[in-house]
């Protein structure tokens, strides 16, 4: 496991990679973007079978996945107590005896993600760690509250101590092809974040086509997004491999054109360890090893950690334990 543990400790995005400053909206580039849906779906369908890993290699990938999790609670019945428990799990995501058997120390999740009201509790619970607090914002999940309030909400979360802000775009701008409006909105959201990093949630399940996903990804990066994220987790369809392939290709094209790396975050519906490995393999294939770090890749998940911990215990002991023995909150 030694070759894996060298890069397990997550660092704050602010200290690792130069931020994407954005660029002027290039409509020629946006209009030129296409998506071959059938080819994308065929490529995505082959991934789970071709990128299967076992034994020590699987354990290493799962440890990597933990460092890239935005451990999340976004429920209407969230309490400060629940958030404190979630933060405790973020600081100690796997039982100490399992980590000791694997020869791993200092493992944490990439971040904790909460609603604005829970930001102070999360910041207090994570004090003294390098685990950032991410806050969902801008009228999450629909993004249909008054515009000035959406911008103000960002400022409130930053003032409360959130170091990352997950904003939701106005889907109507994508569906009507109003790319200038999407660019201007994203640009203002980025400015309101100040030093906090901004993740642009595209809500890809509501954008209609993969071409729309590709164009929206590009426009948000042009406007200065630090990350692009698939979903709020509240849509009927959330993260999928075809959508992920499209968004990663957009990230790659943007990096090739500008030299700036933008992060990627699939969110919603990723609850099994084997799925996490598949997503990591896709990142490695499409973007390379540099993106396999928490400053450039995150899972938005609430239950994924529990299944990963079960798989790691099986790797160590040879027996599966009940899921309730690895509660994530």
C-alpha atoms as a PDB file:
ATOM      1  CA  UNK A   1       0.000   0.000   0.000  1.00  0.00           C
ATOM      2  CA  UNK A   2       3.012   2.337   0.348  1.00  0.00           C
ATOM      3  CA  UNK A   3       2.821   3.674  -3.193  1.00  0.00           C
ATOM      4  CA  UNK A   4      -0.740   4.836  -2.538  1.00  0.00           C
ATOM      5  CA  UNK A   5      -0.434   6.325   0.924  1.00  0.00           C
ATOM      6  CA  UNK A   6       2.117   8.890  -0.185  1.00  0.00           C
ATOM      7  CA  UNK A   7      -0.611  10.999  -1.810  1.00  0.00           C
ATOM      8  CA  UNK A   8      -3.568  10.363   0.494  1.00  0.00           C
ATOM      9  CA  UNK A   9      -3.575  13.517   2.597  1.00  0.00           C
ATOM     10  CA  UNK A  10      -5.918  16.071   1.011  1.00  0.00           C
ATOM     11  CA  UNK A  11      -4.804  19.671   0.682  1.00  0.00           C
ATOM     12  CA  UNK A  12      -7.006  22.705   0.406  1.00  0.00           C
ATOM     13  CA  UNK A  13      -7.678  23.589  -3.237  1.00  0.00           C
ATOM     14  CA  UNK A  14      -6.587  27.165  -2.548  1.00  0.00           C
ATOM     15  CA  UNK A  15      -3.023  26.046  -1.857  1.00  0.00           C
ATOM     16  CA  UNK A  16      -2.449  23.461  -4.576  1.00  0.00           C
ATOM     17  CA  UNK A  17      -3.506  24.646  -8.034  1.00  0.00           C
ATOM     18  CA  UNK A  18      -3.661  28.165  -9.530  1.00  0.00           C
ATOM     19  CA  UNK A  19      -7.313  29.203  -9.728  1.00  0.00           C
ATOM     20  CA  UNK A  20      -9.058  29.365 -13.052  1.00  0.00           C
ATOM     21  CA  UNK A  21      -9.469  33.107 -13.697  1.00  0.00           C
ATOM     22  CA  UNK A  22     -11.899  32.568 -16.542  1.00  0.00           C
ATOM     23  CA  UNK A  23     -11.829  34.275 -19.911  1.00  0.00           C
ATOM     24  CA  UNK A  24     -14.048  36.268 -22.229  1.00  0.00           C
ATOM     25  CA  UNK A  25     -17.054  34.378 -23.543  1.00  0.00           C
ATOM     26  CA  UNK A  26     -16.017  32.784 -26.833  1.00  0.00           C
ATOM     27  CA  UNK A  27     -19.265  32.072 -28.656  1.00  0.00           C
ATOM     28  CA  UNK A  28     -17.484  30.557 -31.665  1.00  0.00           C
ATOM     29  CA  UNK A  29     -15.981  27.932 -29.372  1.00  0.00           C
ATOM     30  CA  UNK A  30     -19.298  27.321 -27.599  1.00  0.00           C
ATOM     31  CA  UNK A  31     -21.251  26.895 -30.844  1.00  0.00           C
ATOM     32  CA  UNK A  32     -18.616  24.536 -32.226  1.00  0.00           C
ATOM     33  CA  UNK A  33     -19.064  22.094 -29.339  1.00  0.00           C
ATOM     34  CA  UNK A  34     -20.960  18.928 -30.285  1.00  0.00           C
ATOM     35  CA  UNK A  35     -21.652  15.607 -28.571  1.00  0.00           C
ATOM     36  CA  UNK A  36     -21.952  12.245 -30.333  1.00  0.00           C
ATOM     37  CA  UNK A  37     -24.452  10.661 -27.959  1.00  0.00           C
ATOM     38  CA  UNK A  38     -24.283   7.101 -29.275  1.00  0.00           C
ATOM     39  CA  UNK A  39     -20.474   7.052 -29.204  1.00  0.00           C
ATOM     40  CA  UNK A  40     -20.402   8.563 -25.712  1.00  0.00           C
ATOM     41  CA  UNK A  41     -22.869   5.980 -24.397  1.00  0.00           C
ATOM     42  CA  UNK A  42     -20.915   3.087 -25.964  1.00  0.00           C
ATOM     43  CA  UNK A  43     -17.673   4.309 -24.419  1.00  0.00           C
ATOM     44  CA  UNK A  44     -19.286   4.713 -20.992  1.00  0.00           C
ATOM     45  CA  UNK A  45     -20.906   1.276 -21.139  1.00  0.00           C
ATOM     46  CA  UNK A  46     -17.544  -0.454 -21.517  1.00  0.00           C
ATOM     47  CA  UNK A  47     -15.942   1.141 -18.466  1.00  0.00           C
ATOM     48  CA  UNK A  48     -17.176  -1.021 -15.563  1.00  0.00           C
ATOM     49  CA  UNK A  49     -15.944  -4.223 -17.219  1.00  0.00           C
ATOM     50  CA  UNK A  50     -12.630  -2.913 -18.521  1.00  0.00           C
ATOM     51  CA  UNK A  51     -11.535  -1.092 -15.381  1.00  0.00           C
ATOM     52  CA  UNK A  52     -12.095  -3.702 -12.683  1.00  0.00           C
ATOM     53  CA  UNK A  53      -9.432  -3.920  -9.947  1.00  0.00           C
ATOM     54  CA  UNK A  54      -9.042  -6.459  -7.147  1.00  0.00           C
ATOM     55  CA  UNK A  55      -7.353  -7.083  -3.799  1.00  0.00           C
ATOM     56  CA  UNK A  56      -4.621  -4.616  -2.785  1.00  0.00           C
ATOM     57  CA  UNK A  57      -5.204  -2.500  -5.867  1.00  0.00           C
ATOM     58  CA  UNK A  58      -8.899  -2.186  -5.111  1.00  0.00           C
ATOM     59  CA  UNK A  59      -8.173  -1.214  -1.504  1.00  0.00           C
ATOM     60  CA  UNK A  60      -5.746   1.447  -2.706  1.00  0.00           C
ATOM     61  CA  UNK A  61      -8.323   2.925  -5.086  1.00  0.00           C
ATOM     62  CA  UNK A  62     -10.941   2.942  -2.337  1.00  0.00           C
ATOM     63  CA  UNK A  63      -8.613   4.772   0.033  1.00  0.00           C
ATOM     64  CA  UNK A  64      -8.038   7.314  -2.709  1.00  0.00           C
ATOM     65  CA  UNK A  65     -11.793   7.667  -3.185  1.00  0.00           C
ATOM     66  CA  UNK A  66     -12.268   8.524   0.498  1.00  0.00           C
ATOM     67  CA  UNK A  67      -9.905  11.493   0.229  1.00  0.00           C
ATOM     68  CA  UNK A  68     -12.054  12.817  -2.624  1.00  0.00           C
ATOM     69  CA  UNK A  69     -15.452  12.616  -0.916  1.00  0.00           C
ATOM     70  CA  UNK A  70     -17.444  15.729  -0.080  1.00  0.00           C
ATOM     71  CA  UNK A  71     -19.227  14.104   2.851  1.00  0.00           C
ATOM     72  CA  UNK A  72     -22.703  15.563   2.557  1.00  0.00           C
ATOM     73  CA  UNK A  73     -25.913  16.088   4.477  1.00  0.00           C
ATOM     74  CA  UNK A  74     -28.590  18.138   2.729  1.00  0.00           C
ATOM     75  CA  UNK A  75     -31.824  17.188   4.453  1.00  0.00           C
ATOM     76  CA  UNK A  76     -34.625  19.334   5.750  1.00  0.00           C
ATOM     77  CA  UNK A  77     -34.241  17.745   9.172  1.00  0.00           C
ATOM     78  CA  UNK A  78     -30.511  18.454   9.522  1.00  0.00           C
ATOM     79  CA  UNK A  79     -29.448  19.449  13.025  1.00  0.00           C
ATOM     80  CA  UNK A  80     -26.200  20.742  14.461  1.00  0.00           C
ATOM     81  CA  UNK A  81     -25.760  17.396  16.198  1.00  0.00           C
ATOM     82  CA  UNK A  82     -26.019  15.527  12.907  1.00  0.00           C
ATOM     83  CA  UNK A  83     -23.499  17.879  11.324  1.00  0.00           C
ATOM     84  CA  UNK A  84     -21.062  17.428  14.209  1.00  0.00           C
ATOM     85  CA  UNK A  85     -21.304  13.653  13.815  1.00  0.00           C
ATOM     86  CA  UNK A  86     -20.727  13.994  10.075  1.00  0.00           C
ATOM     87  CA  UNK A  87     -17.648  16.109  10.720  1.00  0.00           C
ATOM     88  CA  UNK A  88     -16.335  13.529  13.191  1.00  0.00           C
ATOM     89  CA  UNK A  89     -16.719  10.929  10.451  1.00  0.00           C
ATOM     90  CA  UNK A  90     -14.915  13.199   7.984  1.00  0.00           C
ATOM     91  CA  UNK A  91     -11.971  13.399  10.385  1.00  0.00           C
ATOM     92  CA  UNK A  92     -11.977   9.635  11.019  1.00  0.00           C
ATOM     93  CA  UNK A  93     -13.690   8.136   7.963  1.00  0.00           C
ATOM     94  CA  UNK A  94     -12.568   4.544   8.558  1.00  0.00           C
ATOM     95  CA  UNK A  95     -12.225   2.616  11.799  1.00  0.00           C
ATOM     96  CA  UNK A  96      -8.749   2.962  13.269  1.00  0.00           C
ATOM     97  CA  UNK A  97      -8.090  -0.789  13.347  1.00  0.00           C
ATOM     98  CA  UNK A  98      -8.821  -1.100   9.612  1.00  0.00           C
ATOM     99  CA  UNK A  99      -6.510   1.783   8.758  1.00  0.00           C
ATOM    100  CA  UNK A 100      -3.803   0.341  10.992  1.00  0.00           C
ATOM    101  CA  UNK A 101      -4.052  -2.991   9.189  1.00  0.00           C
ATOM    102  CA  UNK A 102      -3.706  -1.168   5.877  1.00  0.00           C
ATOM    103  CA  UNK A 103      -0.755   0.888   7.087  1.00  0.00           C
ATOM    104  CA  UNK A 104      -2.527   4.215   6.580  1.00  0.00           C
ATOM    105  CA  UNK A 105      -2.528   7.247   8.865  1.00  0.00           C
ATOM    106  CA  UNK A 106      -4.124  10.695   8.731  1.00  0.00           C
ATOM    107  CA  UNK A 107      -6.866   9.796   6.252  1.00  0.00           C
ATOM    108  CA  UNK A 108      -9.739  12.289   5.966  1.00  0.00           C
ATOM    109  CA  UNK A 109     -12.467  13.078   3.469  1.00  0.00           C
ATOM    110  CA  UNK A 110     -12.013  15.945   1.021  1.00  0.00           C
ATOM    111  CA  UNK A 111     -14.651  18.254   2.537  1.00  0.00           C
ATOM    112  CA  UNK A 112     -17.959  18.406   4.382  1.00  0.00           C
ATOM    113  CA  UNK A 113     -20.916  19.825   2.437  1.00  0.00           C
ATOM    114  CA  UNK A 114     -23.954  21.361   4.183  1.00  0.00           C
ATOM    115  CA  UNK A 115     -26.673  23.962   3.883  1.00  0.00           C
ATOM    116  CA  UNK A 116     -25.823  27.537   4.900  1.00  0.00           C
ATOM    117  CA  UNK A 117     -27.516  27.257   8.288  1.00  0.00           C
ATOM    118  CA  UNK A 118     -25.184  24.416   9.236  1.00  0.00           C
ATOM    119  CA  UNK A 119     -21.947  26.121   8.160  1.00  0.00           C
ATOM    120  CA  UNK A 120     -21.025  27.543  11.617  1.00  0.00           C
ATOM    121  CA  UNK A 121     -21.512  24.141  13.266  1.00  0.00           C
ATOM    122  CA  UNK A 122     -19.377  22.436  10.612  1.00  0.00           C
ATOM    123  CA  UNK A 123     -16.632  25.081  10.795  1.00  0.00           C
ATOM    124  CA  UNK A 124     -16.466  24.730  14.571  1.00  0.00           C
ATOM    125  CA  UNK A 125     -16.395  20.918  14.400  1.00  0.00           C
ATOM    126  CA  UNK A 126     -13.565  20.931  11.835  1.00  0.00           C
ATOM    127  CA  UNK A 127     -11.436  23.571  13.536  1.00  0.00           C
ATOM    128  CA  UNK A 128      -7.787  22.563  13.576  1.00  0.00           C
ATOM    129  CA  UNK A 129      -8.094  20.322  10.511  1.00  0.00           C
ATOM    130  CA  UNK A 130      -7.444  21.048   6.850  1.00  0.00           C
ATOM    131  CA  UNK A 131     -10.916  19.813   5.887  1.00  0.00           C
ATOM    132  CA  UNK A 132     -12.856  22.636   4.207  1.00  0.00           C
ATOM    133  CA  UNK A 133     -16.561  23.281   4.633  1.00  0.00           C
ATOM    134  CA  UNK A 134     -18.575  23.510   1.403  1.00  0.00           C
ATOM    135  CA  UNK A 135     -21.958  25.229   1.406  1.00  0.00           C
ATOM    136  CA  UNK A 136     -24.664  24.777  -1.204  1.00  0.00           C
ATOM    137  CA  UNK A 137     -25.979  28.156  -2.278  1.00  0.00           C
ATOM    138  CA  UNK A 138     -27.895  30.327  -4.758  1.00  0.00           C
ATOM    139  CA  UNK A 139     -31.322  28.919  -3.968  1.00  0.00           C
ATOM    140  CA  UNK A 140     -30.198  25.287  -3.964  1.00  0.00           C
ATOM    141  CA  UNK A 141     -31.513  23.007  -5.423  1.00  0.00           C
ATOM    142  CA  UNK A 142     -33.759  24.797  -7.956  1.00  0.00           C
ATOM    143  CA  UNK A 143     -31.892  28.092  -8.192  1.00  0.00           C
ATOM    144  CA  UNK A 144     -35.111  30.038  -8.650  1.00  0.00           C
ATOM    145  CA  UNK A 145     -35.053  32.417  -5.680  1.00  0.00           C
ATOM    146  CA  UNK A 146     -34.662  36.168  -6.390  1.00  0.00           C
ATOM    147  CA  UNK A 147     -31.327  36.822  -8.037  1.00  0.00           C
ATOM    148  CA  UNK A 148     -30.068  39.389  -5.523  1.00  0.00           C
ATOM    149  CA  UNK A 149     -30.813  36.939  -2.707  1.00  0.00           C
ATOM    150  CA  UNK A 150     -28.873  34.203  -4.472  1.00  0.00           C
ATOM    151  CA  UNK A 151     -25.817  36.457  -4.706  1.00  0.00           C
ATOM    152  CA  UNK A 152     -26.255  37.566  -1.087  1.00  0.00           C
ATOM    153  CA  UNK A 153     -26.515  33.956   0.059  1.00  0.00           C
ATOM    154  CA  UNK A 154     -23.022  33.296  -1.273  1.00  0.00           C
ATOM    155  CA  UNK A 155     -21.631  36.182   0.761  1.00  0.00           C
ATOM    156  CA  UNK A 156     -23.367  34.980   3.911  1.00  0.00           C
ATOM    157  CA  UNK A 157     -21.868  31.497   3.607  1.00  0.00           C
ATOM    158  CA  UNK A 158     -18.376  32.852   2.929  1.00  0.00           C
ATOM    159  CA  UNK A 159     -18.669  35.153   5.945  1.00  0.00           C
ATOM    160  CA  UNK A 160     -19.723  32.161   8.059  1.00  0.00           C
ATOM    161  CA  UNK A 161     -16.519  30.326   7.139  1.00  0.00           C
ATOM    162  CA  UNK A 162     -17.337  28.232   4.072  1.00  0.00           C
ATOM    163  CA  UNK A 163     -14.237  27.815   1.908  1.00  0.00           C
ATOM    164  CA  UNK A 164     -16.114  26.269  -1.023  1.00  0.00           C
ATOM    165  CA  UNK A 165     -19.474  27.295  -2.459  1.00  0.00           C
ATOM    166  CA  UNK A 166     -21.579  24.917  -4.578  1.00  0.00           C
ATOM    167  CA  UNK A 167     -23.822  27.148  -6.692  1.00  0.00           C
ATOM    168  CA  UNK A 168     -26.669  26.080  -8.978  1.00  0.00           C
ATOM    169  CA  UNK A 169     -26.984  27.600 -12.417  1.00  0.00           C
ATOM    170  CA  UNK A 170     -30.241  28.779 -13.981  1.00  0.00           C
ATOM    171  CA  UNK A 171     -31.130  25.813 -16.170  1.00  0.00           C
ATOM    172  CA  UNK A 172     -33.382  27.980 -18.355  1.00  0.00           C
ATOM    173  CA  UNK A 173     -30.323  29.796 -19.743  1.00  0.00           C
ATOM    174  CA  UNK A 174     -29.027  26.480 -21.096  1.00  0.00           C
ATOM    175  CA  UNK A 175     -32.401  25.271 -22.361  1.00  0.00           C
ATOM    176  CA  UNK A 176     -32.979  28.526 -24.262  1.00  0.00           C
ATOM    177  CA  UNK A 177     -29.392  28.824 -25.476  1.00  0.00           C
ATOM    178  CA  UNK A 178     -28.827  32.137 -23.682  1.00  0.00           C
ATOM    179  CA  UNK A 179     -25.119  31.561 -23.115  1.00  0.00           C
ATOM    180  CA  UNK A 180     -24.381  35.209 -22.396  1.00  0.00           C
ATOM    181  CA  UNK A 181     -26.856  35.170 -19.507  1.00  0.00           C
ATOM    182  CA  UNK A 182     -25.306  31.970 -18.123  1.00  0.00           C
ATOM    183  CA  UNK A 183     -21.822  33.465 -18.418  1.00  0.00           C
ATOM    184  CA  UNK A 184     -22.818  36.710 -16.706  1.00  0.00           C
ATOM    185  CA  UNK A 185     -24.571  34.832 -13.889  1.00  0.00           C
ATOM    186  CA  UNK A 186     -21.629  32.529 -13.291  1.00  0.00           C
ATOM    187  CA  UNK A 187     -19.205  35.442 -13.421  1.00  0.00           C
ATOM    188  CA  UNK A 188     -21.118  37.302 -10.708  1.00  0.00           C
ATOM    189  CA  UNK A 189     -21.391  34.186  -8.546  1.00  0.00           C
ATOM    190  CA  UNK A 190     -17.628  33.696  -8.852  1.00  0.00           C
ATOM    191  CA  UNK A 191     -16.996  37.309  -7.826  1.00  0.00           C
ATOM    192  CA  UNK A 192     -19.294  36.970  -4.806  1.00  0.00           C
ATOM    193  CA  UNK A 193     -17.280  33.941  -3.636  1.00  0.00           C
ATOM    194  CA  UNK A 194     -14.105  35.987  -3.254  1.00  0.00           C
ATOM    195  CA  UNK A 195     -11.334  33.647  -2.083  1.00  0.00           C
ATOM    196  CA  UNK A 196     -13.743  30.729  -1.623  1.00  0.00           C
ATOM    197  CA  UNK A 197     -13.698  28.227  -4.460  1.00  0.00           C
ATOM    198  CA  UNK A 198     -16.866  27.882  -6.510  1.00  0.00           C
ATOM    199  CA  UNK A 199     -18.353  24.662  -7.846  1.00  0.00           C
ATOM    200  CA  UNK A 200     -20.916  25.172 -10.610  1.00  0.00           C
ATOM    201  CA  UNK A 201     -23.755  22.632 -10.383  1.00  0.00           C
ATOM    202  CA  UNK A 202     -25.158  22.078 -13.874  1.00  0.00           C
ATOM    203  CA  UNK A 203     -28.087  19.828 -12.873  1.00  0.00           C
ATOM    204  CA  UNK A 204     -27.297  17.765 -15.966  1.00  0.00           C
ATOM    205  CA  UNK A 205     -30.416  15.618 -15.647  1.00  0.00           C
ATOM    206  CA  UNK A 206     -32.472  18.705 -16.494  1.00  0.00           C
ATOM    207  CA  UNK A 207     -30.426  20.046 -19.425  1.00  0.00           C
ATOM    208  CA  UNK A 208     -31.997  17.895 -22.124  1.00  0.00           C
ATOM    209  CA  UNK A 209     -28.991  16.823 -24.207  1.00  0.00           C
ATOM    210  CA  UNK A 210     -25.336  15.931 -23.829  1.00  0.00           C
ATOM    211  CA  UNK A 211     -24.502  18.796 -26.172  1.00  0.00           C
ATOM    212  CA  UNK A 212     -26.143  21.177 -23.722  1.00  0.00           C
ATOM    213  CA  UNK A 213     -24.085  19.619 -20.936  1.00  0.00           C
ATOM    214  CA  UNK A 214     -20.874  20.149 -22.919  1.00  0.00           C
ATOM    215  CA  UNK A 215     -21.679  23.758 -23.770  1.00  0.00           C
ATOM    216  CA  UNK A 216     -22.827  24.641 -20.250  1.00  0.00           C
ATOM    217  CA  UNK A 217     -19.613  23.108 -18.867  1.00  0.00           C
ATOM    218  CA  UNK A 218     -17.506  25.227 -21.171  1.00  0.00           C
ATOM    219  CA  UNK A 219     -19.384  28.465 -20.467  1.00  0.00           C
ATOM    220  CA  UNK A 220     -19.124  28.004 -16.696  1.00  0.00           C
ATOM    221  CA  UNK A 221     -15.387  27.416 -16.975  1.00  0.00           C
ATOM    222  CA  UNK A 222     -15.026  30.514 -19.162  1.00  0.00           C
ATOM    223  CA  UNK A 223     -16.787  32.440 -16.397  1.00  0.00           C
ATOM    224  CA  UNK A 224     -14.288  31.265 -13.792  1.00  0.00           C
ATOM    225  CA  UNK A 225     -15.706  28.117 -12.188  1.00  0.00           C
ATOM    226  CA  UNK A 226     -13.130  26.264 -10.086  1.00  0.00           C
ATOM    227  CA  UNK A 227     -15.141  23.021 -10.386  1.00  0.00           C
ATOM    228  CA  UNK A 228     -18.011  21.849 -12.535  1.00  0.00           C
ATOM    229  CA  UNK A 229     -20.435  19.477 -10.829  1.00  0.00           C
ATOM    230  CA  UNK A 230     -23.081  17.213 -12.319  1.00  0.00           C
ATOM    231  CA  UNK A 231     -26.051  17.491 -10.015  1.00  0.00           C
ATOM    232  CA  UNK A 232     -27.669  18.689  -6.835  1.00  0.00           C
ATOM    233  CA  UNK A 233     -28.611  15.115  -5.979  1.00  0.00           C
ATOM    234  CA  UNK A 234     -32.253  16.196  -5.999  1.00  0.00           C
ATOM    235  CA  UNK A 235     -32.956  15.691  -9.718  1.00  0.00           C
ATOM    236  CA  UNK A 236     -34.581  12.601 -11.175  1.00  0.00           C
ATOM    237  CA  UNK A 237     -31.298  11.730 -12.942  1.00  0.00           C
ATOM    238  CA  UNK A 238     -28.022  12.652 -11.293  1.00  0.00           C
ATOM    239  CA  UNK A 239     -24.414  11.685 -12.059  1.00  0.00           C
ATOM    240  CA  UNK A 240     -23.969   9.229 -14.921  1.00  0.00           C
ATOM    241  CA  UNK A 241     -20.916   7.974 -16.783  1.00  0.00           C
ATOM    242  CA  UNK A 242     -21.955   9.487 -20.160  1.00  0.00           C
ATOM    243  CA  UNK A 243     -22.439  12.915 -18.565  1.00  0.00           C
ATOM    244  CA  UNK A 244     -19.137  12.531 -16.740  1.00  0.00           C
ATOM    245  CA  UNK A 245     -17.322  11.693 -19.953  1.00  0.00           C
ATOM    246  CA  UNK A 246     -18.736  14.803 -21.636  1.00  0.00           C
ATOM    247  CA  UNK A 247     -17.804  17.079 -18.739  1.00  0.00           C
ATOM    248  CA  UNK A 248     -14.308  15.630 -18.450  1.00  0.00           C
ATOM    249  CA  UNK A 249     -13.706  16.134 -22.160  1.00  0.00           C
ATOM    250  CA  UNK A 250     -14.788  19.766 -21.740  1.00  0.00           C
ATOM    251  CA  UNK A 251     -12.367  20.169 -18.830  1.00  0.00           C
ATOM    252  CA  UNK A 252      -9.577  18.667 -20.911  1.00  0.00           C
ATOM    253  CA  UNK A 253     -10.300  20.963 -23.844  1.00  0.00           C
ATOM    254  CA  UNK A 254     -10.372  23.999 -21.560  1.00  0.00           C
ATOM    255  CA  UNK A 255      -7.040  23.036 -20.008  1.00  0.00           C
ATOM    256  CA  UNK A 256      -5.475  22.513 -23.416  1.00  0.00           C
ATOM    257  CA  UNK A 257      -6.702  25.943 -24.567  1.00  0.00           C
ATOM    258  CA  UNK A 258      -5.986  27.996 -21.414  1.00  0.00           C
ATOM    259  CA  UNK A 259      -3.506  26.033 -19.300  1.00  0.00           C
ATOM    260  CA  UNK A 260      -5.830  26.130 -16.263  1.00  0.00           C
ATOM    261  CA  UNK A 261      -7.118  22.998 -14.591  1.00  0.00           C
ATOM    262  CA  UNK A 262     -10.759  22.916 -13.509  1.00  0.00           C
ATOM    263  CA  UNK A 263     -12.034  20.327 -11.054  1.00  0.00           C
ATOM    264  CA  UNK A 264     -14.835  17.810 -11.534  1.00  0.00           C
ATOM    265  CA  UNK A 265     -17.466  16.612  -9.074  1.00  0.00           C
ATOM    266  CA  UNK A 266     -20.031  13.894  -9.861  1.00  0.00           C
ATOM    267  CA  UNK A 267     -22.844  13.985  -7.309  1.00  0.00           C
ATOM    268  CA  UNK A 268     -26.012  12.057  -6.610  1.00  0.00           C
ATOM    269  CA  UNK A 269     -26.579   8.328  -6.866  1.00  0.00           C
ATOM    270  CA  UNK A 270     -22.970   7.218  -6.312  1.00  0.00           C
ATOM    271  CA  UNK A 271     -23.364   4.951  -3.304  1.00  0.00           C
ATOM    272  CA  UNK A 272     -21.330   1.806  -4.078  1.00  0.00           C
ATOM    273  CA  UNK A 273     -17.597   1.338  -3.757  1.00  0.00           C
ATOM    274  CA  UNK A 274     -17.346  -0.318  -7.181  1.00  0.00           C
ATOM    275  CA  UNK A 275     -18.975   2.741  -8.773  1.00  0.00           C
ATOM    276  CA  UNK A 276     -16.428   5.020  -7.113  1.00  0.00           C
ATOM    277  CA  UNK A 277     -13.599   2.984  -8.624  1.00  0.00           C
ATOM    278  CA  UNK A 278     -15.207   3.226 -12.052  1.00  0.00           C
ATOM    279  CA  UNK A 279     -15.416   7.015 -11.817  1.00  0.00           C
ATOM    280  CA  UNK A 280     -11.813   7.253 -10.673  1.00  0.00           C
ATOM    281  CA  UNK A 281     -10.736   5.075 -13.597  1.00  0.00           C
ATOM    282  CA  UNK A 282     -12.592   7.375 -15.996  1.00  0.00           C
ATOM    283  CA  UNK A 283     -10.826  10.393 -14.501  1.00  0.00           C
ATOM    284  CA  UNK A 284      -7.452   8.669 -14.907  1.00  0.00           C
ATOM    285  CA  UNK A 285      -8.242   7.731 -18.512  1.00  0.00           C
ATOM    286  CA  UNK A 286      -9.585  11.109 -19.605  1.00  0.00           C
ATOM    287  CA  UNK A 287      -7.717  13.669 -17.487  1.00  0.00           C
ATOM    288  CA  UNK A 288      -4.696  11.910 -16.057  1.00  0.00           C
ATOM    289  CA  UNK A 289      -3.244  11.348 -12.613  1.00  0.00           C
ATOM    290  CA  UNK A 290      -3.129  15.041 -11.666  1.00  0.00           C
ATOM    291  CA  UNK A 291      -6.921  15.060 -11.433  1.00  0.00           C
ATOM    292  CA  UNK A 292      -6.887  12.133  -8.990  1.00  0.00           C
ATOM    293  CA  UNK A 293      -6.361  14.560  -6.107  1.00  0.00           C
ATOM    294  CA  UNK A 294      -9.009  16.201  -3.927  1.00  0.00           C
ATOM    295  CA  UNK A 295      -8.209  19.696  -5.167  1.00  0.00           C
ATOM    296  CA  UNK A 296      -9.420  18.630  -8.636  1.00  0.00           C
ATOM    297  CA  UNK A 297     -11.833  15.764  -8.041  1.00  0.00           C
ATOM    298  CA  UNK A 298     -14.621  15.179  -5.520  1.00  0.00           C
ATOM    299  CA  UNK A 299     -17.519  12.816  -5.059  1.00  0.00           C
ATOM    300  CA  UNK A 300     -20.699  14.414  -3.746  1.00  0.00           C
ATOM    301  CA  UNK A 301     -21.983  11.604  -1.535  1.00  0.00           C
ATOM    302  CA  UNK A 302     -23.692  10.772   1.731  1.00  0.00           C
ATOM    303  CA  UNK A 303     -23.786   6.961   1.775  1.00  0.00           C
ATOM    304  CA  UNK A 304     -20.743   6.065  -0.368  1.00  0.00           C
ATOM    305  CA  UNK A 305     -18.335   6.131   2.562  1.00  0.00           C
ATOM    306  CA  UNK A 306     -20.235   3.427   4.429  1.00  0.00           C
ATOM    307  CA  UNK A 307     -19.938   0.951   1.567  1.00  0.00           C
ATOM    308  CA  UNK A 308     -16.258   1.759   1.043  1.00  0.00           C
ATOM    309  CA  UNK A 309     -15.567   1.092   4.713  1.00  0.00           C
ATOM    310  CA  UNK A 310     -17.369  -2.263   4.449  1.00  0.00           C
ATOM    311  CA  UNK A 311     -15.243  -3.232   1.465  1.00  0.00           C
ATOM    312  CA  UNK A 312     -12.041  -2.251   3.253  1.00  0.00           C
ATOM    313  CA  UNK A 313     -12.986  -4.349   6.273  1.00  0.00           C
ATOM    314  CA  UNK A 314     -13.648  -7.284   3.952  1.00  0.00           C
ATOM    315  CA  UNK A 315     -10.216  -6.768   2.407  1.00  0.00           C
ATOM    316  CA  UNK A 316      -8.587  -6.846   5.848  1.00  0.00           C
ATOM    317  CA  UNK A 317     -10.635  -9.610   7.521  1.00  0.00           C
ATOM    318  CA  UNK A 318     -12.115 -11.627   4.661  1.00  0.00           C
ATOM    319  CA  UNK A 319     -15.647 -11.133   6.030  1.00  0.00           C
ATOM    320  CA  UNK A 320     -18.394  -8.625   5.267  1.00  0.00           C
ATOM    321  CA  UNK A 321     -19.938  -6.733   8.158  1.00  0.00           C
ATOM    322  CA  UNK A 322     -23.399  -5.223   8.452  1.00  0.00           C
ATOM    323  CA  UNK A 323     -23.797  -1.766   6.993  1.00  0.00           C
ATOM    324  CA  UNK A 324     -24.959  -0.280  10.279  1.00  0.00           C
ATOM    325  CA  UNK A 325     -21.532  -0.959  11.764  1.00  0.00           C
ATOM    326  CA  UNK A 326     -20.081   1.673   9.419  1.00  0.00           C
ATOM    327  CA  UNK A 327     -22.548   4.518   9.800  1.00  0.00           C
ATOM    328  CA  UNK A 328     -21.430   7.625   7.928  1.00  0.00           C
ATOM    329  CA  UNK A 329     -23.178  10.125  10.166  1.00  0.00           C
END
